[in-house]
Amino acid sequence: MADIHHIENLKLGTNCNDVKDVATEVTAMKLALGLLFARLPDADKNQFLIELTQYDFPPFEKLATELKQFAQK
């Protein structure tokens, strides 16, 4: 990655006043991850899904299922 950029005054925040706020923030992050996932070459998508599902950890398996929606052509 030769083109690393420094972002001046980057400001990120998380709204976590209640459970609904946290759920909304997590959903936004999952959507952003899905959009990035969609840009990966097919081989990398498949490898990432394999890595997520090899642990027998239900939250990872759920995420893999959700990400598969972004792999549709």
N, C-alpha and C. Protein backbone atom coordinates (compact mmCIF):
# COMPACT_ATOMS: atom_id res chain seq x y z
N MET A 1 0.84 -1.17 0.00
CA MET A 1 0.00 0.00 0.00
C MET A 1 0.89 1.23 0.00
N ALA A 2 1.22 1.72 -1.16
CA ALA A 2 2.14 2.84 -1.28
C ALA A 2 1.47 4.18 -1.00
N ASP A 3 0.19 4.28 -1.25
CA ASP A 3 -0.52 5.55 -1.10
C ASP A 3 -1.23 5.64 0.24
N ILE A 4 -0.47 5.77 1.31
CA ILE A 4 -1.06 5.94 2.63
C ILE A 4 -1.23 7.43 2.88
N HIS A 5 -2.44 7.81 3.25
CA HIS A 5 -2.74 9.22 3.45
C HIS A 5 -3.04 9.48 4.92
N HIS A 6 -2.60 10.62 5.38
CA HIS A 6 -2.90 11.08 6.73
C HIS A 6 -4.13 11.98 6.64
N ILE A 7 -5.11 11.72 7.45
CA ILE A 7 -6.33 12.53 7.44
C ILE A 7 -6.26 13.49 8.62
N GLU A 8 -6.12 14.75 8.31
CA GLU A 8 -6.05 15.78 9.35
C GLU A 8 -7.40 15.93 10.05
N ASN A 9 -7.37 16.07 11.34
CA ASN A 9 -8.56 16.36 12.15
C ASN A 9 -9.68 15.34 11.96
N LEU A 10 -9.33 14.07 11.81
CA LEU A 10 -10.33 13.02 11.68
C LEU A 10 -11.14 12.94 12.97
N LYS A 11 -12.45 12.95 12.81
CA LYS A 11 -13.33 12.89 13.98
C LYS A 11 -14.32 11.76 13.78
N LEU A 12 -14.30 10.79 14.66
CA LEU A 12 -15.25 9.69 14.66
C LEU A 12 -15.89 9.64 16.04
N GLY A 13 -17.12 9.25 16.06
CA GLY A 13 -17.81 9.13 17.34
C GLY A 13 -18.78 7.97 17.31
N THR A 14 -19.19 7.58 18.47
CA THR A 14 -20.16 6.50 18.60
C THR A 14 -21.27 6.95 19.53
N ASN A 15 -22.48 6.83 19.05
CA ASN A 15 -23.64 7.15 19.86
C ASN A 15 -24.00 5.89 20.64
N CYS A 16 -23.91 5.93 21.94
CA CYS A 16 -24.19 4.74 22.75
C CYS A 16 -24.98 5.09 24.01
N ASN A 17 -26.01 5.86 23.81
CA ASN A 17 -26.85 6.25 24.94
C ASN A 17 -27.73 5.10 25.43
N ASP A 18 -28.11 4.21 24.51
CA ASP A 18 -28.91 3.06 24.90
C ASP A 18 -28.65 1.91 23.92
N VAL A 19 -29.30 0.79 24.15
CA VAL A 19 -29.06 -0.40 23.34
C VAL A 19 -29.43 -0.16 21.87
N LYS A 20 -30.48 0.59 21.63
CA LYS A 20 -30.89 0.87 20.25
C LYS A 20 -29.81 1.67 19.52
N ASP A 21 -29.22 2.63 20.19
CA ASP A 21 -28.13 3.41 19.59
C ASP A 21 -26.96 2.50 19.21
N VAL A 22 -26.59 1.63 20.12
CA VAL A 22 -25.46 0.72 19.85
C VAL A 22 -25.79 -0.20 18.68
N ALA A 23 -27.01 -0.72 18.63
CA ALA A 23 -27.42 -1.59 17.53
C ALA A 23 -27.35 -0.85 16.20
N THR A 24 -27.76 0.40 16.19
CA THR A 24 -27.70 1.21 14.97
C THR A 24 -26.26 1.41 14.53
N GLU A 25 -25.37 1.68 15.48
CA GLU A 25 -23.95 1.87 15.16
C GLU A 25 -23.34 0.58 14.60
N VAL A 26 -23.66 -0.55 15.21
CA VAL A 26 -23.14 -1.84 14.74
C VAL A 26 -23.65 -2.14 13.34
N THR A 27 -24.92 -1.87 13.09
CA THR A 27 -25.50 -2.10 11.76
C THR A 27 -24.80 -1.23 10.71
N ALA A 28 -24.52 0.00 11.05
CA ALA A 28 -23.81 0.88 10.13
C ALA A 28 -22.42 0.34 9.81
N MET A 29 -21.74 -0.18 10.82
CA MET A 29 -20.41 -0.76 10.60
C MET A 29 -20.49 -2.00 9.74
N LYS A 30 -21.52 -2.84 9.96
CA LYS A 30 -21.69 -4.04 9.15
C LYS A 30 -21.98 -3.67 7.70
N LEU A 31 -22.75 -2.63 7.48
CA LEU A 31 -23.02 -2.19 6.12
C LEU A 31 -21.74 -1.70 5.45
N ALA A 32 -20.96 -0.92 6.18
CA ALA A 32 -19.69 -0.43 5.63
C ALA A 32 -18.77 -1.61 5.29
N LEU A 33 -18.69 -2.59 6.19
CA LEU A 33 -17.88 -3.77 5.92
C LEU A 33 -18.39 -4.51 4.69
N GLY A 34 -19.71 -4.63 4.56
CA GLY A 34 -20.28 -5.29 3.40
C GLY A 34 -19.94 -4.58 2.10
N LEU A 35 -19.97 -3.26 2.12
CA LEU A 35 -19.62 -2.51 0.91
C LEU A 35 -18.15 -2.70 0.54
N LEU A 36 -17.28 -2.76 1.53
CA LEU A 36 -15.87 -3.06 1.27
C LEU A 36 -15.70 -4.49 0.77
N PHE A 37 -16.39 -5.42 1.40
CA PHE A 37 -16.35 -6.82 1.01
C PHE A 37 -16.75 -6.98 -0.45
N ALA A 38 -17.77 -6.25 -0.89
CA ALA A 38 -18.25 -6.34 -2.26
C ALA A 38 -17.18 -5.95 -3.28
N ARG A 39 -16.23 -5.14 -2.87
CA ARG A 39 -15.16 -4.68 -3.78
C ARG A 39 -14.01 -5.68 -3.91
N LEU A 40 -13.98 -6.67 -3.02
CA LEU A 40 -12.89 -7.65 -3.07
C LEU A 40 -13.02 -8.56 -4.28
N PRO A 41 -11.89 -9.05 -4.79
CA PRO A 41 -11.96 -10.09 -5.83
C PRO A 41 -12.64 -11.33 -5.25
N ASP A 42 -13.27 -12.12 -6.12
CA ASP A 42 -14.03 -13.29 -5.67
C ASP A 42 -13.19 -14.24 -4.81
N ALA A 43 -11.94 -14.46 -5.16
CA ALA A 43 -11.09 -15.37 -4.39
C ALA A 43 -10.90 -14.86 -2.96
N ASP A 44 -10.74 -13.57 -2.81
CA ASP A 44 -10.57 -12.98 -1.47
C ASP A 44 -11.87 -13.04 -0.68
N LYS A 45 -13.00 -12.83 -1.36
CA LYS A 45 -14.29 -12.96 -0.68
C LYS A 45 -14.45 -14.37 -0.13
N ASN A 46 -14.18 -15.36 -0.97
CA ASN A 46 -14.31 -16.75 -0.54
C ASN A 46 -13.40 -17.07 0.63
N GLN A 47 -12.15 -16.61 0.57
CA GLN A 47 -11.21 -16.87 1.65
C GLN A 47 -11.66 -16.22 2.95
N PHE A 48 -12.17 -15.01 2.87
CA PHE A 48 -12.66 -14.31 4.05
C PHE A 48 -13.83 -15.06 4.68
N LEU A 49 -14.76 -15.54 3.85
CA LEU A 49 -15.89 -16.30 4.35
C LEU A 49 -15.44 -17.60 5.01
N ILE A 50 -14.45 -18.26 4.43
CA ILE A 50 -13.90 -19.48 5.02
C ILE A 50 -13.31 -19.17 6.39
N GLU A 51 -12.55 -18.09 6.48
CA GLU A 51 -11.93 -17.72 7.75
C GLU A 51 -12.99 -17.42 8.82
N LEU A 52 -14.06 -16.75 8.43
CA LEU A 52 -15.11 -16.43 9.40
C LEU A 52 -15.82 -17.68 9.92
N THR A 53 -15.97 -18.69 9.08
CA THR A 53 -16.78 -19.86 9.46
C THR A 53 -15.97 -21.01 10.03
N GLN A 54 -14.68 -20.89 10.14
CA GLN A 54 -13.87 -22.00 10.63
C GLN A 54 -13.85 -22.13 12.15
N TYR A 55 -14.41 -21.18 12.87
CA TYR A 55 -14.30 -21.17 14.33
C TYR A 55 -15.49 -21.75 15.07
N ASP A 56 -16.57 -22.09 14.38
CA ASP A 56 -17.78 -22.57 15.04
C ASP A 56 -18.23 -21.58 16.11
N PHE A 57 -18.27 -20.31 15.71
CA PHE A 57 -18.67 -19.21 16.59
C PHE A 57 -19.88 -18.53 15.94
N PRO A 58 -21.08 -18.73 16.50
CA PRO A 58 -22.31 -18.26 15.84
C PRO A 58 -22.29 -16.81 15.36
N PRO A 59 -21.74 -15.84 16.09
CA PRO A 59 -21.73 -14.47 15.56
C PRO A 59 -20.92 -14.34 14.26
N PHE A 60 -19.81 -15.09 14.14
CA PHE A 60 -19.04 -15.07 12.90
C PHE A 60 -19.81 -15.73 11.77
N GLU A 61 -20.50 -16.82 12.08
CA GLU A 61 -21.29 -17.51 11.06
C GLU A 61 -22.43 -16.62 10.57
N LYS A 62 -23.05 -15.88 11.48
CA LYS A 62 -24.12 -14.94 11.11
C LYS A 62 -23.56 -13.84 10.22
N LEU A 63 -22.39 -13.31 10.58
CA LEU A 63 -21.76 -12.27 9.76
C LEU A 63 -21.43 -12.81 8.37
N ALA A 64 -20.91 -14.02 8.29
CA ALA A 64 -20.59 -14.61 6.99
C ALA A 64 -21.85 -14.72 6.13
N THR A 65 -22.95 -15.15 6.72
CA THR A 65 -24.22 -15.25 5.99
C THR A 65 -24.66 -13.87 5.49
N GLU A 66 -24.52 -12.88 6.34
CA GLU A 66 -24.90 -11.52 5.94
C GLU A 66 -24.01 -10.99 4.83
N LEU A 67 -22.70 -11.26 4.92
CA LEU A 67 -21.78 -10.77 3.91
C LEU A 67 -22.01 -11.43 2.55
N LYS A 68 -22.49 -12.65 2.56
CA LYS A 68 -22.77 -13.35 1.28
C LYS A 68 -23.75 -12.55 0.43
N GLN A 69 -24.61 -11.76 1.06
CA GLN A 69 -25.55 -10.91 0.31
C GLN A 69 -24.83 -9.90 -0.56
N PHE A 70 -23.63 -9.48 -0.15
CA PHE A 70 -22.86 -8.50 -0.89
C PHE A 70 -22.04 -9.15 -2.00
N ALA A 71 -21.99 -10.47 -2.05
CA ALA A 71 -21.23 -11.20 -3.06
C ALA A 71 -22.09 -11.55 -4.26
N GLN A 72 -23.38 -11.26 -4.19
CA GLN A 72 -24.28 -11.60 -5.28
C GLN A 72 -23.94 -10.79 -6.52
N LYS A 73 -24.08 -11.42 -7.67
CA LYS A 73 -23.82 -10.72 -8.93
C LYS A 73 -25.10 -10.45 -9.65
